[in-house]
């Protein structure tokens, strides 16, 4: 099959960019500066890297809007990362397995499985499961009873989707993720014994969501744990029971969101940041890495630290913290300076020389 190509002018129109050089150059793939070959387009994020293009074998390049000239035909754009992502997606085709159910897969009773679905060996699908068009179920996946999965969703190897969960369309569940495990809910009696609270809700994941490898999303105690459409969750993230995450959020590796918290739309939690239970985080909030959010945050705020405070305040506090050792030395020195004259005066009063 002949690989599709696009002219540089067509790609520039796609990303709202400006062509520098020959607009008729044809492009068939995307690659980085070091590995790009003839017929491929690459990108640089900042103008200071423009000298790297002289050594590149690429046929064209995406450059920042303030780039005056480049060694290759170029597309000049405001956001090279965004343009690179759009063009890369245009040319990239994820390998699609052939439709069909492998004879070594286990399928429960009363399932509704579209003819275009692909189910790999050793996958287990429970009873009354519904799988939409072009769903891919890889090896080792376990899907519980009464699960619904929308069109075009990919469930990678060794994912577990527990009973009753709802997965939208074009979702990617990366290897090892667990959707719908029991929430962490216990009541403790007078003897210190922890009594488990039944977790009878489910997890609802919207369209175009990605759930990273080994991420766990707990089912609700009652009702649903909800992940809004377009949200992207990195590897090794923990989402507690009854959490509601809005649309278009980004949760980076090793984040944690405790039970019954609510994140608005467009929230960004950087790596290892955490949200306490029953906390509301407004739309557009950004939390720096290792932030600890234990109280409500207003929409649009940028926070950092533990407990999380305004980012600018945290920067001042962090700067002051680094000066504490010297401040302690200065205080001790001043104490000595104050105490020595006082001791001399006391000695004079008592006649001691």
Protein backbone atom coordinates (compact mmCIF):
# COMPACT_ATOMS: atom_id res chain seq x y z
CA UNK A 1 0.00 0.00 0.00
CA UNK A 2 1.35 3.42 -1.00
CA UNK A 3 2.07 5.69 1.97
CA UNK A 4 0.02 8.90 2.01
CA UNK A 5 1.95 12.13 1.53
CA UNK A 6 1.10 15.78 2.12
CA UNK A 7 2.68 18.93 0.76
CA UNK A 8 4.27 21.37 3.15
CA UNK A 9 1.55 23.88 2.23
CA UNK A 10 -1.17 21.37 3.19
CA UNK A 11 0.51 20.68 6.53
CA UNK A 12 0.91 24.39 7.21
CA UNK A 13 -2.80 24.93 6.63
CA UNK A 14 -3.58 22.07 9.02
CA UNK A 15 -1.61 23.68 11.86
CA UNK A 16 -2.30 27.33 10.95
CA UNK A 17 1.35 27.94 10.17
CA UNK A 18 3.40 29.90 7.66
CA UNK A 19 5.61 28.22 5.05
CA UNK A 20 9.26 29.20 4.72
CA UNK A 21 10.80 27.81 1.54
CA UNK A 22 9.29 25.43 -1.01
CA UNK A 23 5.58 24.77 -0.24
CA UNK A 24 5.48 21.83 -2.67
CA UNK A 25 7.84 19.61 -0.65
CA UNK A 26 6.08 16.33 0.01
CA UNK A 27 6.08 14.74 3.45
CA UNK A 28 5.14 11.19 4.39
CA UNK A 29 6.15 10.87 8.07
CA UNK A 30 7.23 12.66 11.25
CA UNK A 31 10.45 12.06 13.19
CA UNK A 32 12.85 13.77 15.59
CA UNK A 33 15.81 15.85 14.42
CA UNK A 34 18.42 13.13 14.96
CA UNK A 35 16.53 10.34 13.19
CA UNK A 36 14.49 12.07 10.49
CA UNK A 37 15.17 10.97 6.91
CA UNK A 38 14.29 12.26 3.47
CA UNK A 39 10.53 12.63 3.08
CA UNK A 40 10.02 13.23 6.81
CA UNK A 41 9.31 16.39 8.78
CA UNK A 42 10.84 17.18 12.17
CA UNK A 43 10.56 20.05 14.66
CA UNK A 44 12.50 22.25 17.05
CA UNK A 45 10.77 23.79 20.07
CA UNK A 46 13.05 26.82 20.45
CA UNK A 47 15.06 28.95 18.05
CA UNK A 48 18.31 28.21 19.88
CA UNK A 49 18.22 24.69 18.42
CA UNK A 50 18.06 25.88 14.82
CA UNK A 51 21.74 25.02 14.21
CA UNK A 52 20.87 21.32 14.63
CA UNK A 53 18.96 21.45 11.35
CA UNK A 54 22.18 21.73 9.34
CA UNK A 55 22.96 18.11 10.30
CA UNK A 56 19.44 16.77 9.83
CA UNK A 57 18.42 14.68 6.82
CA UNK A 58 14.75 15.71 7.17
CA UNK A 59 12.95 17.28 4.23
CA UNK A 60 11.23 19.94 6.35
CA UNK A 61 10.95 21.27 9.87
CA UNK A 62 8.44 22.91 12.22
CA UNK A 63 9.96 26.00 13.87
CA UNK A 64 8.86 28.66 16.39
CA UNK A 65 7.12 31.76 15.02
CA UNK A 66 10.13 34.01 15.77
CA UNK A 67 12.51 31.98 13.56
CA UNK A 68 13.76 34.18 10.72
CA UNK A 69 15.21 31.41 8.55
CA UNK A 70 16.06 27.72 8.67
CA UNK A 71 18.37 25.34 6.85
CA UNK A 72 15.34 23.36 5.64
CA UNK A 73 11.93 24.22 4.21
CA UNK A 74 9.89 25.06 7.28
CA UNK A 75 6.49 25.67 8.83
CA UNK A 76 6.57 28.57 11.27
CA UNK A 77 4.01 28.28 14.09
CA UNK A 78 3.23 29.76 17.52
CA UNK A 79 3.33 26.39 19.29
CA UNK A 80 5.77 23.87 17.76
CA UNK A 81 4.80 21.14 20.25
CA UNK A 82 1.14 21.38 19.30
CA UNK A 83 1.86 21.48 15.58
CA UNK A 84 4.21 18.50 15.91
CA UNK A 85 1.55 16.50 17.73
CA UNK A 86 -1.08 17.26 15.09
CA UNK A 87 1.18 16.33 12.19
CA UNK A 88 2.58 13.25 13.92
CA UNK A 89 -0.97 11.99 14.53
CA UNK A 90 -1.80 12.60 10.89
CA UNK A 91 0.90 10.20 9.72
CA UNK A 92 0.97 7.73 12.60
CA UNK A 93 -1.24 4.68 12.33
CA UNK A 94 -1.35 2.45 15.38
CA UNK A 95 -1.14 -1.20 14.28
CA UNK A 96 -4.67 -2.60 14.28
CA UNK A 97 -5.17 -6.31 14.97
CA UNK A 98 -7.53 -8.26 12.76
CA UNK A 99 -11.11 -8.43 14.04
CA UNK A 100 -12.32 -11.62 15.61
CA UNK A 101 -12.33 -13.57 18.85
CA UNK A 102 -9.37 -15.84 19.48
CA UNK A 103 -10.25 -19.41 20.31
CA UNK A 104 -8.27 -19.14 23.54
CA UNK A 105 -10.33 -16.22 24.83
CA UNK A 106 -13.18 -16.82 27.29
CA UNK A 107 -16.48 -15.07 26.56
CA UNK A 108 -19.42 -15.09 28.96
CA UNK A 109 -23.10 -15.47 28.17
CA UNK A 110 -25.38 -12.82 26.68
CA UNK A 111 -22.58 -10.52 25.48
CA UNK A 112 -23.07 -8.00 22.69
CA UNK A 113 -19.85 -7.91 20.69
CA UNK A 114 -19.61 -5.96 17.42
CA UNK A 115 -18.18 -7.90 14.44
CA UNK A 116 -15.21 -5.48 14.19
CA UNK A 117 -14.02 -6.22 17.75
CA UNK A 118 -10.65 -7.92 18.25
CA UNK A 119 -10.20 -10.13 21.32
CA UNK A 120 -6.75 -11.65 21.86
CA UNK A 121 -5.80 -15.00 23.44
CA UNK A 122 -6.29 -15.44 27.19
CA UNK A 123 -8.66 -12.49 27.52
CA UNK A 124 -11.65 -13.10 29.77
CA UNK A 125 -14.94 -11.32 29.14
CA UNK A 126 -17.73 -11.70 31.67
CA UNK A 127 -21.46 -12.01 31.18
CA UNK A 128 -23.71 -9.37 29.58
CA UNK A 129 -20.73 -7.31 28.41
CA UNK A 130 -21.23 -4.83 25.56
CA UNK A 131 -18.28 -4.06 23.25
CA UNK A 132 -18.71 -1.39 20.56
CA UNK A 133 -17.27 -1.21 17.05
CA UNK A 134 -13.49 -1.60 16.62
CA UNK A 135 -12.81 -2.27 20.30
CA UNK A 136 -9.46 -3.99 20.90
CA UNK A 137 -9.06 -6.35 23.86
CA UNK A 138 -5.46 -7.53 24.28
CA UNK A 139 -4.11 -10.65 25.98
CA UNK A 140 -4.65 -11.13 29.69
CA UNK A 141 -7.44 -8.57 29.97
CA UNK A 142 -10.22 -9.36 32.44
CA UNK A 143 -13.57 -7.65 31.95
CA UNK A 144 -16.24 -8.17 34.60
CA UNK A 145 -19.94 -8.72 34.16
CA UNK A 146 -22.20 -5.95 32.80
CA UNK A 147 -19.34 -3.74 31.57
CA UNK A 148 -20.03 -1.42 28.63
CA UNK A 149 -17.15 -0.29 26.39
CA UNK A 150 -17.65 2.25 23.59
CA UNK A 151 -16.47 2.33 19.99
CA UNK A 152 -12.76 2.42 19.19
CA UNK A 153 -11.55 1.83 22.73
CA UNK A 154 -8.27 -0.02 23.25
CA UNK A 155 -7.78 -2.16 26.35
CA UNK A 156 -4.13 -3.14 26.58
CA UNK A 157 -2.64 -6.31 28.03
CA UNK A 158 -3.42 -7.26 31.63
CA UNK A 159 -5.96 -4.50 32.26
CA UNK A 160 -8.79 -5.30 34.67
CA UNK A 161 -12.21 -3.67 34.30
CA UNK A 162 -14.42 -4.74 37.19
CA UNK A 163 -18.14 -5.44 37.02
CA UNK A 164 -20.59 -2.71 36.07
CA UNK A 165 -18.12 -0.09 34.87
CA UNK A 166 -18.80 2.12 31.85
CA UNK A 167 -16.01 3.02 29.44
CA UNK A 168 -16.56 5.59 26.69
CA UNK A 169 -15.45 5.68 23.07
CA UNK A 170 -11.84 6.07 21.87
CA UNK A 171 -10.50 5.44 25.37
CA UNK A 172 -7.08 3.87 25.90
CA UNK A 173 -6.54 1.79 29.03
CA UNK A 174 -2.80 1.09 29.23
CA UNK A 175 -1.33 -2.15 30.51
CA UNK A 176 -1.86 -3.03 34.14
CA UNK A 177 -4.49 -0.41 34.93
CA UNK A 178 -7.36 -1.45 37.18
CA UNK A 179 -10.77 0.14 36.76
CA UNK A 180 -13.41 -0.41 39.41
CA UNK A 181 -11.54 -2.07 42.25
CA UNK A 182 -13.13 -1.53 45.67
CA UNK A 183 -12.73 1.88 47.24
CA UNK A 184 -10.77 2.11 50.49
CA UNK A 185 -13.63 2.43 52.96
CA UNK A 186 -13.64 1.10 56.54
CA UNK A 187 -15.28 1.88 59.87
CA UNK A 188 -13.39 1.09 63.07
CA UNK A 189 -15.10 -0.28 66.17
CA UNK A 190 -14.18 0.22 69.82
CA UNK A 191 -11.77 -2.73 69.72
CA UNK A 192 -9.81 -1.26 66.82
CA UNK A 193 -11.16 -3.70 64.26
CA UNK A 194 -11.68 -2.24 60.79
CA UNK A 195 -15.07 -3.12 59.31
CA UNK A 196 -15.23 -2.96 55.51
CA UNK A 197 -17.87 -0.73 53.96
CA UNK A 198 -19.32 -2.40 50.84
CA UNK A 199 -18.42 -0.58 47.64
CA UNK A 200 -21.46 -1.00 45.41
CA UNK A 201 -21.04 1.82 42.87
CA UNK A 202 -19.09 1.81 39.62
CA UNK A 203 -16.64 3.83 37.50
CA UNK A 204 -17.77 5.90 34.50
CA UNK A 205 -15.06 7.02 32.05
CA UNK A 206 -15.90 9.55 29.32
CA UNK A 207 -14.87 9.59 25.67
CA UNK A 208 -11.26 10.18 24.57
CA UNK A 209 -9.78 9.49 28.00
CA UNK A 210 -6.39 7.81 28.49
CA UNK A 211 -5.55 5.89 31.66
CA UNK A 212 -1.84 5.20 32.19
CA UNK A 213 -0.15 1.92 33.04
CA UNK A 214 -0.70 0.61 36.56
CA UNK A 215 -3.15 3.37 37.42
CA UNK A 216 -6.03 2.42 39.72
CA UNK A 217 -9.48 4.00 39.75
CA UNK A 218 -11.71 2.84 42.60
CA UNK A 219 -15.41 2.22 42.22
CA UNK A 220 -17.78 4.42 44.21
CA UNK A 221 -19.24 3.41 47.54
CA UNK A 222 -22.59 4.44 46.02
CA UNK A 223 -23.13 6.06 42.62
CA UNK A 224 -20.14 6.54 40.34
CA UNK A 225 -16.51 7.56 40.28
CA UNK A 226 -16.37 9.78 37.18
CA UNK A 227 -13.56 10.67 34.77
CA UNK A 228 -14.60 13.43 32.34
CA UNK A 229 -14.08 13.26 28.60
CA UNK A 230 -10.70 14.16 27.19
CA UNK A 231 -8.89 13.77 30.51
CA UNK A 232 -5.43 12.18 30.37
CA UNK A 233 -4.06 10.29 33.38
CA UNK A 234 -0.42 9.21 33.57
CA UNK A 235 1.06 5.98 34.94
CA UNK A 236 0.90 5.08 38.64
CA UNK A 237 -1.98 7.38 39.61
CA UNK A 238 -4.53 6.55 42.32
CA UNK A 239 -8.12 7.83 42.09
CA UNK A 240 -10.24 7.15 45.16
CA UNK A 241 -13.91 6.23 45.42
CA UNK A 242 -16.59 8.76 44.44
CA UNK A 243 -14.04 11.14 42.96
CA UNK A 244 -15.32 13.30 40.10
CA UNK A 245 -12.73 14.56 37.62
CA UNK A 246 -13.84 17.08 35.00
CA UNK A 247 -13.11 17.31 31.29
CA UNK A 248 -9.68 17.88 29.79
CA UNK A 249 -7.68 17.39 32.99
CA UNK A 250 -4.05 16.25 33.16
CA UNK A 251 -2.90 14.09 36.08
CA UNK A 252 0.82 13.33 36.02
CA UNK A 253 2.62 10.27 37.40
CA UNK A 254 2.16 9.27 41.06
CA UNK A 255 -0.65 11.73 41.76
CA UNK A 256 -3.32 10.75 44.23
CA UNK A 257 -6.89 11.99 44.59
CA UNK A 258 -8.65 10.91 47.79
CA UNK A 259 -12.27 9.88 48.06
CA UNK A 260 -15.20 12.17 47.26
CA UNK A 261 -13.02 14.99 45.94
CA UNK A 262 -14.05 16.94 42.86
CA UNK A 263 -11.78 18.38 40.19
CA UNK A 264 -13.17 20.89 37.69
CA UNK A 265 -12.42 21.08 33.99
CA UNK A 266 -8.86 21.61 32.78
CA UNK A 267 -7.17 20.92 36.12
CA UNK A 268 -3.45 20.03 35.98
CA UNK A 269 -1.86 18.04 38.81
CA UNK A 270 1.91 17.72 38.39
CA UNK A 271 3.86 14.65 39.50
CA UNK A 272 3.39 13.30 43.03
CA UNK A 273 0.82 15.94 43.95
CA UNK A 274 -2.11 14.88 46.09
CA UNK A 275 -5.66 16.00 46.79
CA UNK A 276 -7.24 15.25 50.18
CA UNK A 277 -10.69 13.77 50.64
CA UNK A 278 -13.85 15.88 50.15
CA UNK A 279 -11.85 18.73 48.54
CA UNK A 280 -13.13 20.80 45.60
CA UNK A 281 -10.59 22.01 43.04
CA UNK A 282 -11.92 24.62 40.63
CA UNK A 283 -11.67 24.79 36.85
CA UNK A 284 -8.24 25.48 35.42
CA UNK A 285 -6.29 25.00 38.65
CA UNK A 286 -2.62 24.08 38.24
CA UNK A 287 -0.73 22.35 41.06
CA UNK A 288 3.07 22.11 41.02
CA UNK A 289 4.85 18.82 41.65
CA UNK A 290 4.44 17.37 45.17
CA UNK A 291 1.72 19.85 46.06
CA UNK A 292 -0.56 18.77 48.89
CA UNK A 293 -4.07 20.15 48.41
CA UNK A 294 -6.07 19.69 51.61
CA UNK A 295 -8.63 22.49 51.24
CA UNK A 296 -10.77 23.90 48.45
CA UNK A 297 -8.99 25.76 45.64
CA UNK A 298 -10.65 28.54 43.64
CA UNK A 299 -10.84 28.30 39.83
CA UNK A 300 -7.75 29.41 37.94
CA UNK A 301 -5.40 29.29 40.93
CA UNK A 302 -1.79 28.12 40.63
CA UNK A 303 -0.62 26.43 43.83
CA UNK A 304 2.45 24.68 45.23
CA UNK A 305 3.81 23.24 48.47
CA UNK A 306 2.33 21.32 51.38
CA UNK A 307 -0.13 22.46 52.40
CA UNK A 308 -0.64 24.01 48.97
CA UNK A 309 -0.59 27.82 48.84
CA UNK A 310 -0.42 30.36 46.02
CA UNK A 311 2.56 29.58 43.81
CA UNK A 312 4.11 33.05 44.18
CA UNK A 313 3.84 32.84 47.97
CA UNK A 314 5.40 29.39 47.91
CA UNK A 315 8.34 30.68 45.85
CA UNK A 316 9.02 33.37 48.46
CA UNK A 317 8.68 30.84 51.28
CA UNK A 318 10.99 28.37 49.53
CA UNK A 319 13.59 31.09 49.03
CA UNK A 320 13.33 32.08 52.68
CA UNK A 321 13.65 28.45 53.77
CA UNK A 322 17.03 28.15 52.06
CA UNK A 323 18.26 31.13 54.09
CA UNK A 324 17.25 29.73 57.49
CA UNK A 325 20.69 28.18 58.33
CA UNK A 326 22.41 31.52 57.78
CA UNK A 327 19.69 33.34 59.74
CA UNK A 328 20.29 30.99 62.70
CA UNK A 329 24.02 31.76 62.59
CA UNK A 330 23.27 35.48 62.48
CA UNK A 331 20.90 35.25 65.47
CA UNK A 332 23.50 33.35 67.51
CA UNK A 333 26.15 35.93 66.63
CA UNK A 334 23.85 38.79 67.64
CA UNK A 335 23.01 37.03 70.91
CA UNK A 336 26.69 36.81 71.73
CA UNK A 337 27.21 40.46 70.89
CA UNK A 338 24.31 41.47 73.14
CA UNK A 339 25.18 39.12 76.02
CA UNK A 340 28.90 40.00 76.27
CA UNK A 341 28.43 43.75 77.10
CA UNK A 342 25.69 42.80 79.53
CA UNK A 343 28.02 40.38 81.28
CA UNK A 344 30.79 43.02 81.47
CA UNK A 345 28.37 45.54 83.00
CA UNK A 346 27.25 43.02 85.62
CA UNK A 347 30.86 42.26 86.52
CA UNK A 348 31.54 45.99 87.08
CA UNK A 349 28.53 46.28 89.39
CA UNK A 350 29.73 43.36 91.54
CA UNK A 351 33.32 44.53 91.56
CA UNK A 352 34.58 41.59 89.58
CA UNK A 353 37.43 42.37 87.19
